[in-house]
Every structure is written in structure tokens, then in C-alpha cells.
Amino acid sequence: MESLSVLGGIIGSDGHLSKDNSTVCVINKDLEFIDSVVIPLIQHYVGKEPKIRFINSGFGSKKYLLRVCNSKFLRSVSQVYNIPIGRKSSSIEPPRNLTNKENIDFLRGWIAGDGSVTTEKGRPKIEIWSKSKEIIYHFEKILRTEGICPYVYFEKNKKEYILRISRKEDVIKFYKTIKIPHPKKQRTLENLTSSWFSRIRTV
């Protein structure tokens, strides 16, 4: 079972805490991720089965909305991981007083919830983004403590801060030390880096 900090990262990136102070929501389109990671985490740490339904999320896409009502859990997640109640996109700030492992797990959950593993010019890249400058630079600091050197920039059109891991040595270091708790994204990273490791073995 993944840690509570992983669930905190998922909620921070891909969910929200409702203004009624009782409902925790997670929105995602990947059913495998929901079934194998999100629902078991909610069941384990909240002790309740979340309600799930299919929703339109704009731009013609559909996603799954998970909702679980537990005011005590909501307050705890908000306090421990510094997730604001209600609208959070630009106001979310880094969690305080977490251990290094908890910070890494929070980052892992954030990538699972709302990060991407893709390619650019045939090379793998891992990205996360947020309107909150503070949270992105917090993640940059965490990664640097693990010997991974990401690049951070501001995307003017989207008005978002983007953290990118794209240098070969950094992608390899990430793959070896930080597992993404999202089956599809982890498989994609494994597939994209497999050729590098096969070359190393044959040299």
C-alpha cells in the first residue's frame, strides 16, 4: 500500500477539497489508475468506499469523478499537505513539516495525478505544471536533493509554471529512484528508457 502522502499528492494535483468542508474529490480519466491506486488508497486511509461517476470535463473529454465524504479526513489532508479548501490552482503552497520521504511521496502522487510522461524529439521527458510558482519550485528542490536537476519555466500562454525532467542522466536517475504510482505512466517511462538500458548491457 502506498503512503498517505501519495494520496495527498493525488488530491493536491488532480482533486479538490469541497467548500462544504466534508467532501474530498479526485478527477481522472484513467480507470486503471483509479481502480488500482486511488480507490484502494481512499478505502485504506478514509475507511469508506468512494462514490464514482462519469462526467464531462470540457473540450469533449470525459473523466471519472470520485467523491468521499469525511470531514475529519478533509481537515487532516488540508492541514498536513497545505491543500486549500475550495479553488486551489494558484493558491496552493508547499506542504510544511514533511520528512524527505513524505515530500518525495507527495511529489510522486502529484505526478501520478496530473503529470505527464511523453517524448520530445524522440527523447523521454517528465513534466508537471501548476499556476502556483511556490509548489513547482518546491518540487524542484525535492528533486535536486535526489540528484535530479529539472528545468523550470513559465508558460505565458497558459500562465503556468512547468517543471521538466528531460536530460538523459536525470530521466535515468528518476526512473531508478522514483516510481510513479500510476501504472500507465510508469509503463510508458519503462518503455521509453528501455533502449538506454539495453545499450548499456550490450556495451
C-alpha atoms as a PDB file:
ATOM      1  CA  MET A   1       0.000   0.000   0.000  1.00  0.00           C
ATOM      2  CA  GLU A   2       1.288   3.447  -0.942  1.00  0.00           C
ATOM      3  CA  SER A   3       1.644   6.117   1.739  1.00  0.00           C
ATOM      4  CA  LEU A   4      -0.865   8.776   2.745  1.00  0.00           C
ATOM      5  CA  SER A   5       1.472  11.361   1.196  1.00  0.00           C
ATOM      6  CA  VAL A   6       0.948   9.761  -2.220  1.00  0.00           C
ATOM      7  CA  LEU A   7      -2.807  10.217  -1.789  1.00  0.00           C
ATOM      8  CA  GLY A   8      -2.175  13.783  -0.627  1.00  0.00           C
ATOM      9  CA  GLY A   9      -0.266  14.486  -3.841  1.00  0.00           C
ATOM     10  CA  ILE A  10      -3.043  12.989  -5.955  1.00  0.00           C
ATOM     11  CA  ILE A  11      -5.651  15.156  -4.216  1.00  0.00           C
ATOM     12  CA  GLY A  12      -3.419  18.234  -4.458  1.00  0.00           C
ATOM     13  CA  SER A  13      -2.903  17.852  -8.196  1.00  0.00           C
ATOM     14  CA  ASP A  14      -5.981  16.083  -9.515  1.00  0.00           C
ATOM     15  CA  GLY A  15      -8.656  16.727  -6.929  1.00  0.00           C
ATOM     16  CA  HIS A  16     -10.029  19.252  -4.503  1.00  0.00           C
ATOM     17  CA  LEU A  17     -11.489  19.697  -1.045  1.00  0.00           C
ATOM     18  CA  SER A  18     -15.057  20.956  -1.264  1.00  0.00           C
ATOM     19  CA  LYS A  19     -16.205  24.188   0.339  1.00  0.00           C
ATOM     20  CA  ASP A  20     -18.726  22.279   2.429  1.00  0.00           C
ATOM     21  CA  ASN A  21     -15.750  21.009   4.485  1.00  0.00           C
ATOM     22  CA  SER A  22     -16.839  17.404   4.133  1.00  0.00           C
ATOM     23  CA  THR A  23     -16.148  16.071   0.622  1.00  0.00           C
ATOM     24  CA  VAL A  24     -12.826  15.035  -0.918  1.00  0.00           C
ATOM     25  CA  CYS A  25     -12.848  14.713  -4.712  1.00  0.00           C
ATOM     26  CA  VAL A  26     -10.455  13.236  -7.264  1.00  0.00           C
ATOM     27  CA  ILE A  27     -10.977  13.606 -11.018  1.00  0.00           C
ATOM     28  CA  ASN A  28      -9.087  11.453 -13.519  1.00  0.00           C
ATOM     29  CA  LYS A  29      -9.694   9.774 -16.876  1.00  0.00           C
ATOM     30  CA  ASP A  30      -7.570   6.648 -16.346  1.00  0.00           C
ATOM     31  CA  LEU A  31      -9.740   3.841 -14.994  1.00  0.00           C
ATOM     32  CA  GLU A  32      -6.775   1.526 -14.345  1.00  0.00           C
ATOM     33  CA  PHE A  33      -5.179   4.194 -12.141  1.00  0.00           C
ATOM     34  CA  ILE A  34      -8.462   4.785 -10.327  1.00  0.00           C
ATOM     35  CA  ASP A  35      -9.156   1.089  -9.714  1.00  0.00           C
ATOM     36  CA  SER A  36      -5.631   0.004  -8.768  1.00  0.00           C
ATOM     37  CA  VAL A  37      -4.350   3.061  -6.879  1.00  0.00           C
ATOM     38  CA  VAL A  38      -6.876   5.764  -5.975  1.00  0.00           C
ATOM     39  CA  ILE A  39      -9.786   3.665  -4.712  1.00  0.00           C
ATOM     40  CA  PRO A  40      -7.586   1.337  -2.571  1.00  0.00           C
ATOM     41  CA  LEU A  41      -5.841   4.377  -1.043  1.00  0.00           C
ATOM     42  CA  ILE A  42      -9.148   6.048  -0.186  1.00  0.00           C
ATOM     43  CA  GLN A  43     -10.529   2.824   1.258  1.00  0.00           C
ATOM     44  CA  HIS A  44      -7.395   2.318   3.368  1.00  0.00           C
ATOM     45  CA  TYR A  45      -6.951   5.850   4.732  1.00  0.00           C
ATOM     46  CA  VAL A  46     -10.557   7.062   4.837  1.00  0.00           C
ATOM     47  CA  GLY A  47     -12.210   3.747   5.618  1.00  0.00           C
ATOM     48  CA  LYS A  48     -15.019   4.342   3.143  1.00  0.00           C
ATOM     49  CA  GLU A  49     -15.840   3.372  -0.429  1.00  0.00           C
ATOM     50  CA  PRO A  50     -15.793   6.441  -2.697  1.00  0.00           C
ATOM     51  CA  LYS A  51     -18.718   7.178  -4.979  1.00  0.00           C
ATOM     52  CA  ILE A  52     -17.732   7.297  -8.655  1.00  0.00           C
ATOM     53  CA  ARG A  53     -19.413   8.661 -11.753  1.00  0.00           C
ATOM     54  CA  PHE A  54     -18.528   9.640 -15.310  1.00  0.00           C
ATOM     55  CA  ILE A  55     -18.541  13.389 -16.074  1.00  0.00           C
ATOM     56  CA  ASN A  56     -17.900  15.777 -18.955  1.00  0.00           C
ATOM     57  CA  SER A  57     -14.787  17.798 -18.198  1.00  0.00           C
ATOM     58  CA  GLY A  58     -14.730  20.216 -21.129  1.00  0.00           C
ATOM     59  CA  PHE A  59     -13.116  20.062 -24.573  1.00  0.00           C
ATOM     60  CA  GLY A  60     -15.196  16.966 -25.340  1.00  0.00           C
ATOM     61  CA  SER A  61     -13.331  14.785 -22.854  1.00  0.00           C
ATOM     62  CA  LYS A  62     -14.824  12.609 -20.154  1.00  0.00           C
ATOM     63  CA  LYS A  63     -13.372  11.780 -16.764  1.00  0.00           C
ATOM     64  CA  TYR A  64     -14.242   9.869 -13.629  1.00  0.00           C
ATOM     65  CA  LEU A  65     -15.203  11.822 -10.529  1.00  0.00           C
ATOM     66  CA  LEU A  66     -14.556  10.133  -7.186  1.00  0.00           C
ATOM     67  CA  ARG A  67     -16.166  11.602  -4.072  1.00  0.00           C
ATOM     68  CA  VAL A  68     -15.852  10.549  -0.457  1.00  0.00           C
ATOM     69  CA  CYS A  69     -17.438  12.359   2.487  1.00  0.00           C
ATOM     70  CA  ASN A  70     -15.368  12.540   5.659  1.00  0.00           C
ATOM     71  CA  SER A  71     -14.883  15.945   7.281  1.00  0.00           C
ATOM     72  CA  LYS A  72     -12.166  14.711   9.657  1.00  0.00           C
ATOM     73  CA  PHE A  73     -10.083  13.318   6.788  1.00  0.00           C
ATOM     74  CA  LEU A  74     -10.626  16.507   4.749  1.00  0.00           C
ATOM     75  CA  ARG A  75      -9.359  18.718   7.574  1.00  0.00           C
ATOM     76  CA  SER A  76      -6.365  16.441   8.143  1.00  0.00           C
ATOM     77  CA  VAL A  77      -5.352  16.421   4.466  1.00  0.00           C
ATOM     78  CA  SER A  78      -5.787  20.190   4.253  1.00  0.00           C
ATOM     79  CA  GLN A  79      -3.638  20.768   7.330  1.00  0.00           C
ATOM     80  CA  VAL A  80      -0.872  18.220   6.705  1.00  0.00           C
ATOM     81  CA  TYR A  81      -0.434  18.855   2.979  1.00  0.00           C
ATOM     82  CA  ASN A  82      -1.397  22.535   2.937  1.00  0.00           C
ATOM     83  CA  ILE A  83      -4.160  21.976   0.370  1.00  0.00           C
ATOM     84  CA  PRO A  84      -6.646  24.865   0.467  1.00  0.00           C
ATOM     85  CA  ILE A  85     -10.347  24.167   0.678  1.00  0.00           C
ATOM     86  CA  GLY A  86     -12.200  25.155  -2.482  1.00  0.00           C
ATOM     87  CA  ARG A  87     -10.430  26.629  -5.508  1.00  0.00           C
ATOM     88  CA  LYS A  88      -6.710  25.890  -5.260  1.00  0.00           C
ATOM     89  CA  SER A  89      -4.999  26.288  -8.653  1.00  0.00           C
ATOM     90  CA  SER A  90      -2.900  29.368  -7.892  1.00  0.00           C
ATOM     91  CA  SER A  91      -3.195  29.481  -4.109  1.00  0.00           C
ATOM     92  CA  ILE A  92      -1.785  26.058  -3.226  1.00  0.00           C
ATOM     93  CA  GLU A  93       1.535  26.231  -1.391  1.00  0.00           C
ATOM     94  CA  PRO A  94       4.071  23.545  -0.458  1.00  0.00           C
ATOM     95  CA  PRO A  95       3.296  21.288   2.486  1.00  0.00           C
ATOM     96  CA  ARG A  96       5.228  22.051   5.640  1.00  0.00           C
ATOM     97  CA  ASN A  97       6.977  19.831   8.153  1.00  0.00           C
ATOM     98  CA  LEU A  98       7.108  16.715   5.967  1.00  0.00           C
ATOM     99  CA  THR A  99      10.052  14.337   6.057  1.00  0.00           C
ATOM    100  CA  ASN A 100      12.117  13.932   2.896  1.00  0.00           C
ATOM    101  CA  LYS A 101      10.383  10.625   2.148  1.00  0.00           C
ATOM    102  CA  GLU A 102       6.949  12.197   2.654  1.00  0.00           C
ATOM    103  CA  ASN A 103       7.885  15.045   0.311  1.00  0.00           C
ATOM    104  CA  ILE A 104       9.016  12.561  -2.339  1.00  0.00           C
ATOM    105  CA  ASP A 105       5.802  10.561  -1.952  1.00  0.00           C
ATOM    106  CA  PHE A 106       3.747  13.764  -2.234  1.00  0.00           C
ATOM    107  CA  LEU A 107       5.618  14.543  -5.464  1.00  0.00           C
ATOM    108  CA  ARG A 108       5.042  11.003  -6.748  1.00  0.00           C
ATOM    109  CA  GLY A 109       1.320  11.372  -6.104  1.00  0.00           C
ATOM    110  CA  TRP A 110       1.291  14.750  -7.839  1.00  0.00           C
ATOM    111  CA  ILE A 111       2.927  13.279 -10.962  1.00  0.00           C
ATOM    112  CA  ALA A 112       0.516  10.344 -10.898  1.00  0.00           C
ATOM    113  CA  GLY A 113      -2.453  12.676 -10.664  1.00  0.00           C
ATOM    114  CA  ASP A 114      -1.552  15.428 -13.087  1.00  0.00           C
ATOM    115  CA  GLY A 115       1.924  14.902 -14.528  1.00  0.00           C
ATOM    116  CA  SER A 116       2.933  13.565 -17.926  1.00  0.00           C
ATOM    117  CA  VAL A 117       5.470  11.145 -19.371  1.00  0.00           C
ATOM    118  CA  THR A 118       5.957  11.861 -23.070  1.00  0.00           C
ATOM    119  CA  THR A 119       8.674  12.458 -25.654  1.00  0.00           C
ATOM    120  CA  GLU A 120      10.163  15.484 -27.359  1.00  0.00           C
ATOM    121  CA  LYS A 121      12.229  14.902 -30.488  1.00  0.00           C
ATOM    122  CA  GLY A 122      12.232  11.221 -29.608  1.00  0.00           C
ATOM    123  CA  ARG A 123      13.616  11.717 -26.099  1.00  0.00           C
ATOM    124  CA  PRO A 124      11.664  10.987 -22.893  1.00  0.00           C
ATOM    125  CA  LYS A 125      10.516  13.835 -20.694  1.00  0.00           C
ATOM    126  CA  ILE A 126       8.595  14.044 -17.438  1.00  0.00           C
ATOM    127  CA  GLU A 127       6.585  17.182 -16.738  1.00  0.00           C
ATOM    128  CA  ILE A 128       4.394  18.649 -14.042  1.00  0.00           C
ATOM    129  CA  TRP A 129       2.704  22.026 -14.103  1.00  0.00           C
ATOM    130  CA  SER A 130       0.831  24.393 -11.834  1.00  0.00           C
ATOM    131  CA  LYS A 131      -0.285  28.002 -11.616  1.00  0.00           C
ATOM    132  CA  SER A 132       1.430  28.007  -8.224  1.00  0.00           C
ATOM    133  CA  LYS A 133       5.056  29.095  -8.518  1.00  0.00           C
ATOM    134  CA  GLU A 134       5.713  28.012  -4.947  1.00  0.00           C
ATOM    135  CA  ILE A 135       4.667  24.378  -5.401  1.00  0.00           C
ATOM    136  CA  ILE A 136       6.693  23.945  -8.610  1.00  0.00           C
ATOM    137  CA  TYR A 137       9.877  25.313  -7.059  1.00  0.00           C
ATOM    138  CA  HIS A 138       9.239  23.148  -4.012  1.00  0.00           C
ATOM    139  CA  PHE A 139       9.215  20.088  -6.267  1.00  0.00           C
ATOM    140  CA  GLU A 140      12.385  21.284  -7.989  1.00  0.00           C
ATOM    141  CA  LYS A 141      14.112  21.455  -4.598  1.00  0.00           C
ATOM    142  CA  ILE A 142      12.931  17.944  -3.677  1.00  0.00           C
ATOM    143  CA  LEU A 143      14.245  16.513  -6.944  1.00  0.00           C
ATOM    144  CA  ARG A 144      17.614  18.211  -6.523  1.00  0.00           C
ATOM    145  CA  THR A 145      18.024  16.548  -3.126  1.00  0.00           C
ATOM    146  CA  GLU A 146      17.791  13.256  -5.064  1.00  0.00           C
ATOM    147  CA  GLY A 147      20.444  14.334  -7.569  1.00  0.00           C
ATOM    148  CA  ILE A 148      17.899  15.114 -10.303  1.00  0.00           C
ATOM    149  CA  CYS A 149      18.183  18.528 -11.974  1.00  0.00           C
ATOM    150  CA  PRO A 150      14.910  19.635 -13.592  1.00  0.00           C
ATOM    151  CA  TYR A 151      14.273  22.742 -15.660  1.00  0.00           C
ATOM    152  CA  VAL A 152      11.538  25.172 -14.573  1.00  0.00           C
ATOM    153  CA  TYR A 153       9.961  27.791 -16.817  1.00  0.00           C
ATOM    154  CA  PHE A 154       6.834  29.920 -17.051  1.00  0.00           C
ATOM    155  CA  GLU A 155       4.428  29.218 -19.926  1.00  0.00           C
ATOM    156  CA  LYS A 156       2.955  32.637 -20.723  1.00  0.00           C
ATOM    157  CA  ASN A 157       0.048  31.431 -22.853  1.00  0.00           C
ATOM    158  CA  LYS A 158      -1.240  29.044 -20.186  1.00  0.00           C
ATOM    159  CA  LYS A 159       0.012  31.177 -17.301  1.00  0.00           C
ATOM    160  CA  GLU A 160       1.500  28.090 -15.669  1.00  0.00           C
ATOM    161  CA  TYR A 161       4.849  27.094 -14.242  1.00  0.00           C
ATOM    162  CA  ILE A 162       6.228  23.927 -15.787  1.00  0.00           C
ATOM    163  CA  LEU A 163       8.850  21.612 -14.325  1.00  0.00           C
ATOM    164  CA  ARG A 164      10.556  19.390 -16.879  1.00  0.00           C
ATOM    165  CA  ILE A 165      12.961  16.473 -16.489  1.00  0.00           C
ATOM    166  CA  SER A 166      14.498  15.750 -19.878  1.00  0.00           C
ATOM    167  CA  ARG A 167      18.261  15.316 -19.660  1.00  0.00           C
ATOM    168  CA  LYS A 168      19.154  11.675 -20.180  1.00  0.00           C
ATOM    169  CA  GLU A 169      21.049  11.333 -16.904  1.00  0.00           C
ATOM    170  CA  ASP A 170      18.186  12.945 -14.965  1.00  0.00           C
ATOM    171  CA  VAL A 171      15.500  10.771 -16.582  1.00  0.00           C
ATOM    172  CA  ILE A 172      17.557   7.651 -15.785  1.00  0.00           C
ATOM    173  CA  LYS A 173      18.097   8.808 -12.192  1.00  0.00           C
ATOM    174  CA  PHE A 174      14.373   9.492 -11.836  1.00  0.00           C
ATOM    175  CA  TYR A 175      13.484   6.073 -13.243  1.00  0.00           C
ATOM    176  CA  LYS A 176      15.877   4.324 -10.864  1.00  0.00           C
ATOM    177  CA  THR A 177      14.845   6.177  -7.702  1.00  0.00           C
ATOM    178  CA  ILE A 178      11.267   7.458  -8.043  1.00  0.00           C
ATOM    179  CA  LYS A 179       8.481   5.107  -9.101  1.00  0.00           C
ATOM    180  CA  ILE A 180       5.339   6.782 -10.426  1.00  0.00           C
ATOM    181  CA  PRO A 181       2.267   5.292  -8.673  1.00  0.00           C
ATOM    182  CA  HIS A 182       0.347   5.339 -11.941  1.00  0.00           C
ATOM    183  CA  PRO A 183       0.521   2.067 -13.926  1.00  0.00           C
ATOM    184  CA  LYS A 184       0.281   3.580 -17.408  1.00  0.00           C
ATOM    185  CA  LYS A 185       2.747   6.412 -16.768  1.00  0.00           C
ATOM    186  CA  GLN A 186       5.246   4.046 -15.139  1.00  0.00           C
ATOM    187  CA  ARG A 187       4.963   1.605 -18.063  1.00  0.00           C
ATOM    188  CA  THR A 188       5.481   4.471 -20.504  1.00  0.00           C
ATOM    189  CA  LEU A 189       8.622   5.560 -18.655  1.00  0.00           C
ATOM    190  CA  GLU A 190       9.921   1.981 -18.631  1.00  0.00           C
ATOM    191  CA  ASN A 191       9.294   1.596 -22.360  1.00  0.00           C
ATOM    192  CA  LEU A 192      10.897   4.939 -23.234  1.00  0.00           C
ATOM    193  CA  THR A 193      14.049   4.245 -21.220  1.00  0.00           C
ATOM    194  CA  SER A 194      14.423   0.541 -22.072  1.00  0.00           C
ATOM    195  CA  SER A 195      16.585   1.230 -25.132  1.00  0.00           C
ATOM    196  CA  TRP A 196      19.074   3.150 -22.998  1.00  0.00           C
ATOM    197  CA  PHE A 197      19.479   0.250 -20.605  1.00  0.00           C
ATOM    198  CA  SER A 198      19.729  -2.307 -23.416  1.00  0.00           C
ATOM    199  CA  ARG A 199      22.593  -0.308 -24.933  1.00  0.00           C
ATOM    200  CA  ILE A 200      24.347  -0.228 -21.563  1.00  0.00           C
ATOM    201  CA  ARG A 201      24.065  -4.027 -21.232  1.00  0.00           C
ATOM    202  CA  THR A 202      25.444  -4.658 -24.725  1.00  0.00           C
ATOM    203  CA  VAL A 203      28.422  -2.318 -24.472  1.00  0.00           C
END
